[in-house]
Amino acid sequence: MRRLLVESAHSAVKSTCQFKGLFKGLALRRGKRRAALAVGHKLLRIIFVLISKKEPYRDPGVDYEALMVKRNAPRWIRALAKYGYAPAEIGVAG
C-alpha cells in the first residue's frame, strides 16, 4: 500500500493540483522521500473521505465553474444562434 501511495503522490505532484504545493513545501523542510510519503498519506485520507461520503473529488485550487463555462460556451452560443438569437443579442461580440 505504501508503494502505491508514494507512486500516486509522485504523479500527483507532477500535475497542477493542491498536492504540488504541499510537496514543494515539505520537500524543502523534510526531504523528498518524507514529502512523498506525506502527500501519499494526504491522498489516502482524501480517498477515504470521498468513498465514505460517495462524492467526486474537487480540487480546491481549481474553479470548476469557470472551467465548465470556458469549455462549453462556444457550444451554448451555437445552440442559441441555431434557435434564432444573434450573438449581439446575447452579449457576445464577434
Protein backbone atom coordinates (compact mmCIF):
# COMPACT_ATOMS: atom_id res chain seq x y z
CA MET A 1 0.00 0.00 0.00
CA ARG A 2 2.83 2.37 0.86
CA ARG A 3 4.45 1.92 -2.54
CA LEU A 4 1.19 2.66 -4.32
CA LEU A 5 0.59 5.78 -2.28
CA VAL A 6 4.11 7.12 -2.84
CA GLU A 7 3.87 6.40 -6.57
CA SER A 8 0.49 8.15 -6.69
CA ALA A 9 1.96 11.07 -4.77
CA HIS A 10 4.80 11.42 -7.29
CA SER A 11 2.34 11.51 -10.18
CA ALA A 12 0.01 13.93 -8.36
CA VAL A 13 2.94 16.28 -7.75
CA LYS A 14 3.59 16.48 -11.49
CA SER A 15 0.06 17.75 -12.17
CA THR A 16 -1.39 21.15 -11.34
CA CYS A 17 -3.29 20.36 -8.16
CA GLN A 18 -3.05 21.14 -4.47
CA PHE A 19 -0.53 18.37 -3.88
CA LYS A 20 2.21 20.09 -5.85
CA GLY A 21 2.44 22.97 -3.37
CA LEU A 22 2.23 20.62 -0.40
CA PHE A 23 5.10 18.51 -1.76
CA LYS A 24 7.32 21.51 -2.52
CA GLY A 25 6.82 22.99 0.94
CA LEU A 26 7.52 19.72 2.71
CA ALA A 27 10.43 18.73 0.46
CA LEU A 28 12.33 21.86 1.43
CA ARG A 29 11.95 21.18 5.14
CA ARG A 30 11.78 17.39 5.44
CA GLY A 31 13.26 15.95 2.24
CA LYS A 32 11.73 14.46 -0.88
CA ARG A 33 11.12 10.97 0.49
CA ARG A 34 9.22 12.14 3.55
CA ALA A 35 7.34 14.70 1.49
CA ALA A 36 6.22 12.00 -0.96
CA LEU A 37 5.05 9.83 1.93
CA ALA A 38 3.17 12.77 3.48
CA VAL A 39 1.45 13.53 0.16
CA GLY A 40 0.57 9.84 -0.13
CA HIS A 41 -0.93 9.96 3.35
CA LYS A 42 -2.96 13.04 2.39
CA LEU A 43 -4.18 11.19 -0.72
CA LEU A 44 -5.22 8.23 1.42
CA ARG A 45 -7.19 10.47 3.77
CA ILE A 46 -8.92 12.21 0.85
CA ILE A 47 -9.76 8.88 -0.78
CA PHE A 48 -11.26 7.64 2.49
CA VAL A 49 -13.48 10.71 2.81
CA LEU A 50 -14.55 10.52 -0.83
CA ILE A 51 -15.52 6.87 -0.52
CA SER A 52 -17.34 7.35 2.77
CA LYS A 53 -19.31 10.38 1.52
CA LYS A 54 -19.72 8.97 -2.03
CA GLU A 55 -18.71 12.26 -3.63
CA PRO A 56 -16.37 13.09 -6.54
CA TYR A 57 -13.05 14.80 -5.87
CA ARG A 58 -12.98 18.56 -6.36
CA ASP A 59 -9.59 20.24 -6.16
CA PRO A 60 -9.92 23.44 -4.08
CA GLY A 61 -7.44 25.26 -6.32
CA VAL A 62 -9.50 24.78 -9.49
CA ASP A 63 -12.53 26.89 -10.36
CA TYR A 64 -14.66 24.17 -11.93
CA GLU A 65 -17.49 26.54 -12.81
CA ALA A 66 -15.20 28.82 -14.87
CA LEU A 67 -13.61 25.77 -16.49
CA MET A 68 -17.03 24.42 -17.46
CA VAL A 69 -18.13 27.76 -18.91
CA LYS A 70 -14.90 28.12 -20.89
CA ARG A 71 -15.27 24.62 -22.28
CA ASN A 72 -18.99 24.81 -23.11
CA ALA A 73 -19.54 28.48 -24.04
CA PRO A 74 -18.92 28.02 -27.80
CA ARG A 75 -21.43 25.17 -27.91
CA TRP A 76 -24.01 27.21 -25.98
CA ILE A 77 -23.56 30.16 -28.33
CA ARG A 78 -24.01 27.93 -31.38
CA ALA A 79 -27.18 26.49 -29.85
CA LEU A 80 -28.57 29.99 -29.20
CA ALA A 81 -27.73 31.03 -32.76
CA LYS A 82 -29.48 27.90 -34.04
CA TYR A 83 -32.67 28.95 -32.26
CA GLY A 84 -32.60 32.46 -33.71
CA TYR A 85 -30.69 34.53 -31.19
CA ALA A 86 -27.97 36.65 -32.75
CA PRO A 87 -24.59 36.84 -30.95
CA ALA A 88 -25.12 40.62 -30.48
CA GLU A 89 -28.43 39.96 -28.67
CA ILE A 90 -26.82 37.64 -26.15
CA GLY A 91 -23.93 39.97 -25.38
CA VAL A 92 -21.13 38.29 -27.32
CA ALA A 93 -19.02 40.29 -29.70
CA GLY A 94 -17.81 38.58 -32.79
